[in-house]
Amino acid sequence: RKFYAPTPVQSATLAASVLGRRDVVGAAPTGSGKTLAYGLPVLQGLLEERDAASEKEKEDEVVGSEEEEAEGQQRTKTQKGPLAALILTPTRELALQVTAELK
């Protein structure tokens, strides 16, 4: 399904959750765009974290390579972080639908 403009539930929640980083509780009928209303802010936050980590890694590589040359040491890779997002659903079927929608 394609959306060309935010649905009412999305209009009411996206600004607060993306820009204000606030928790939002909403209720709307099936097919109203609820998944994207909470999924887009989650994805936005994950992408921002990924970009920030990528920038830091680039900075660390430059510093790390200078230090390695000076000290002859090898730099280890950064370990993966903790769980970044958790979406709970009441049924397995809904979990599969949410997964498909956010992919």
C-alpha atoms as a PDB file:
ATOM      1  CA  ARG A   1       0.000   0.000   0.000  1.00  0.00           C
ATOM      2  CA  LYS A   2       1.340   3.425  -0.918  1.00  0.00           C
ATOM      3  CA  PHE A   3       0.806   6.590   1.076  1.00  0.00           C
ATOM      4  CA  TYR A   4       1.177   9.951  -0.629  1.00  0.00           C
ATOM      5  CA  ALA A   5       0.357  12.038   2.419  1.00  0.00           C
ATOM      6  CA  PRO A   6       0.321  11.231   6.120  1.00  0.00           C
ATOM      7  CA  THR A   7      -2.823   9.573   7.422  1.00  0.00           C
ATOM      8  CA  PRO A   8      -4.617  11.247  10.357  1.00  0.00           C
ATOM      9  CA  VAL A   9      -2.874   9.044  12.952  1.00  0.00           C
ATOM     10  CA  GLN A  10       0.490   9.742  11.333  1.00  0.00           C
ATOM     11  CA  SER A  11      -0.165  13.488  11.184  1.00  0.00           C
ATOM     12  CA  ALA A  12      -1.065  13.501  14.851  1.00  0.00           C
ATOM     13  CA  THR A  13       1.982  11.533  16.007  1.00  0.00           C
ATOM     14  CA  LEU A  14       4.988  11.836  13.691  1.00  0.00           C
ATOM     15  CA  ALA A  15       6.131  15.335  14.625  1.00  0.00           C
ATOM     16  CA  ALA A  16       5.988  14.620  18.348  1.00  0.00           C
ATOM     17  CA  SER A  17       7.777  11.297  18.056  1.00  0.00           C
ATOM     18  CA  VAL A  18      10.433  12.225  15.478  1.00  0.00           C
ATOM     19  CA  LEU A  19      11.198  15.854  16.292  1.00  0.00           C
ATOM     20  CA  GLY A  20      10.260  15.872  19.949  1.00  0.00           C
ATOM     21  CA  ARG A  21      11.434  12.316  20.663  1.00  0.00           C
ATOM     22  CA  ARG A  22       8.342  11.774  22.773  1.00  0.00           C
ATOM     23  CA  ASP A  23       6.426   8.608  23.488  1.00  0.00           C
ATOM     24  CA  VAL A  24       3.053   8.482  21.790  1.00  0.00           C
ATOM     25  CA  VAL A  25      -0.046   6.407  22.461  1.00  0.00           C
ATOM     26  CA  GLY A  26      -2.658   6.223  19.727  1.00  0.00           C
ATOM     27  CA  ALA A  27      -5.598   4.149  18.593  1.00  0.00           C
ATOM     28  CA  ALA A  28      -6.871   3.918  15.048  1.00  0.00           C
ATOM     29  CA  PRO A  29      -8.643   1.403  12.823  1.00  0.00           C
ATOM     30  CA  THR A  30      -6.899  -1.292  10.791  1.00  0.00           C
ATOM     31  CA  GLY A  31      -5.247   0.107   7.666  1.00  0.00           C
ATOM     32  CA  SER A  32      -4.889   3.629   9.068  1.00  0.00           C
ATOM     33  CA  GLY A  33      -1.084   3.716   9.011  1.00  0.00           C
ATOM     34  CA  LYS A  34      -0.335   2.994  12.673  1.00  0.00           C
ATOM     35  CA  THR A  35       2.669   0.803  11.855  1.00  0.00           C
ATOM     36  CA  LEU A  36       4.405   3.629  10.025  1.00  0.00           C
ATOM     37  CA  ALA A  37       3.295   6.102  12.702  1.00  0.00           C
ATOM     38  CA  TYR A  38       5.486   4.317  15.257  1.00  0.00           C
ATOM     39  CA  GLY A  39       7.856   2.564  12.825  1.00  0.00           C
ATOM     40  CA  LEU A  40       9.209   5.653  11.089  1.00  0.00           C
ATOM     41  CA  PRO A  41      10.425   7.296  14.316  1.00  0.00           C
ATOM     42  CA  VAL A  42      12.112   4.017  15.312  1.00  0.00           C
ATOM     43  CA  LEU A  43      13.811   3.749  11.925  1.00  0.00           C
ATOM     44  CA  GLN A  44      14.784   7.442  12.027  1.00  0.00           C
ATOM     45  CA  GLY A  45      16.444   6.968  15.415  1.00  0.00           C
ATOM     46  CA  LEU A  46      18.295   3.848  14.267  1.00  0.00           C
ATOM     47  CA  LEU A  47      19.575   5.604  11.151  1.00  0.00           C
ATOM     48  CA  GLU A  48      20.734   8.615  13.172  1.00  0.00           C
ATOM     49  CA  GLU A  49      22.594   6.320  15.576  1.00  0.00           C
ATOM     50  CA  ARG A  50      24.151   4.420  12.667  1.00  0.00           C
ATOM     51  CA  ASP A  51      25.310   7.655  11.017  1.00  0.00           C
ATOM     52  CA  ALA A  52      26.769   8.973  14.269  1.00  0.00           C
ATOM     53  CA  ALA A  53      28.578   5.676  14.887  1.00  0.00           C
ATOM     54  CA  SER A  54      29.903   5.687  11.317  1.00  0.00           C
ATOM     55  CA  GLU A  55      31.276   9.207  11.739  1.00  0.00           C
ATOM     56  CA  LYS A  56      32.902   8.271  15.038  1.00  0.00           C
ATOM     57  CA  GLU A  57      34.396   5.148  13.483  1.00  0.00           C
ATOM     58  CA  LYS A  58      35.874   7.231  10.646  1.00  0.00           C
ATOM     59  CA  GLU A  59      37.417   9.596  13.193  1.00  0.00           C
ATOM     60  CA  ASP A  60      38.739   6.667  15.229  1.00  0.00           C
ATOM     61  CA  GLU A  61      40.253   5.063  12.118  1.00  0.00           C
ATOM     62  CA  VAL A  62      42.249   8.198  11.343  1.00  0.00           C
ATOM     63  CA  VAL A  63      43.466   8.505  14.917  1.00  0.00           C
ATOM     64  CA  GLY A  64      43.900   4.747  15.220  1.00  0.00           C
ATOM     65  CA  SER A  65      46.013   4.453  12.059  1.00  0.00           C
ATOM     66  CA  GLU A  66      48.308   7.254  13.245  1.00  0.00           C
ATOM     67  CA  GLU A  67      48.707   5.574  16.618  1.00  0.00           C
ATOM     68  CA  GLU A  68      49.258   2.158  15.028  1.00  0.00           C
ATOM     69  CA  GLU A  69      52.016   3.522  12.840  1.00  0.00           C
ATOM     70  CA  ALA A  70      53.632   5.230  15.807  1.00  0.00           C
ATOM     71  CA  GLU A  71      53.267   2.313  18.209  1.00  0.00           C
ATOM     72  CA  GLY A  72      53.011  -0.648  15.810  1.00  0.00           C
ATOM     73  CA  GLN A  73      49.785  -1.860  17.448  1.00  0.00           C
ATOM     74  CA  GLN A  74      46.653  -3.293  15.833  1.00  0.00           C
ATOM     75  CA  ARG A  75      43.270  -1.688  16.406  1.00  0.00           C
ATOM     76  CA  THR A  76      40.289  -3.924  17.270  1.00  0.00           C
ATOM     77  CA  LYS A  77      36.829  -3.474  15.725  1.00  0.00           C
ATOM     78  CA  THR A  78      34.034  -1.914  17.773  1.00  0.00           C
ATOM     79  CA  GLN A  79      31.619  -4.467  19.202  1.00  0.00           C
ATOM     80  CA  LYS A  80      27.922  -4.331  18.372  1.00  0.00           C
ATOM     81  CA  GLY A  81      25.797  -2.414  20.835  1.00  0.00           C
ATOM     82  CA  PRO A  82      22.771  -3.449  22.862  1.00  0.00           C
ATOM     83  CA  LEU A  83      19.242  -3.936  21.542  1.00  0.00           C
ATOM     84  CA  ALA A  84      18.238  -0.704  19.815  1.00  0.00           C
ATOM     85  CA  ALA A  85      14.474  -1.140  19.397  1.00  0.00           C
ATOM     86  CA  LEU A  86      11.782  -3.517  20.550  1.00  0.00           C
ATOM     87  CA  ILE A  87       8.292  -3.662  19.074  1.00  0.00           C
ATOM     88  CA  LEU A  88       5.819  -5.911  20.867  1.00  0.00           C
ATOM     89  CA  THR A  89       2.716  -7.277  19.180  1.00  0.00           C
ATOM     90  CA  PRO A  90      -0.106  -9.397  20.610  1.00  0.00           C
ATOM     91  CA  THR A  91       0.101 -12.073  17.905  1.00  0.00           C
ATOM     92  CA  ARG A  92       2.702 -13.720  15.705  1.00  0.00           C
ATOM     93  CA  GLU A  93       0.710 -12.779  12.607  1.00  0.00           C
ATOM     94  CA  LEU A  94       0.792  -9.105  13.524  1.00  0.00           C
ATOM     95  CA  ALA A  95       4.516  -9.346  14.250  1.00  0.00           C
ATOM     96  CA  LEU A  96       5.067 -10.727  10.738  1.00  0.00           C
ATOM     97  CA  GLN A  97       2.953  -7.923   9.243  1.00  0.00           C
ATOM     98  CA  VAL A  98       4.902  -5.263  11.159  1.00  0.00           C
ATOM     99  CA  THR A  99       8.213  -6.819  10.094  1.00  0.00           C
ATOM    100  CA  ALA A 100       7.152  -6.856   6.435  1.00  0.00           C
ATOM    101  CA  GLU A 101       5.904  -3.263   6.592  1.00  0.00           C
ATOM    102  CA  LEU A 102       9.105  -1.898   8.153  1.00  0.00           C
ATOM    103  CA  LYS A 103      11.431  -3.762   5.802  1.00  0.00           C
END
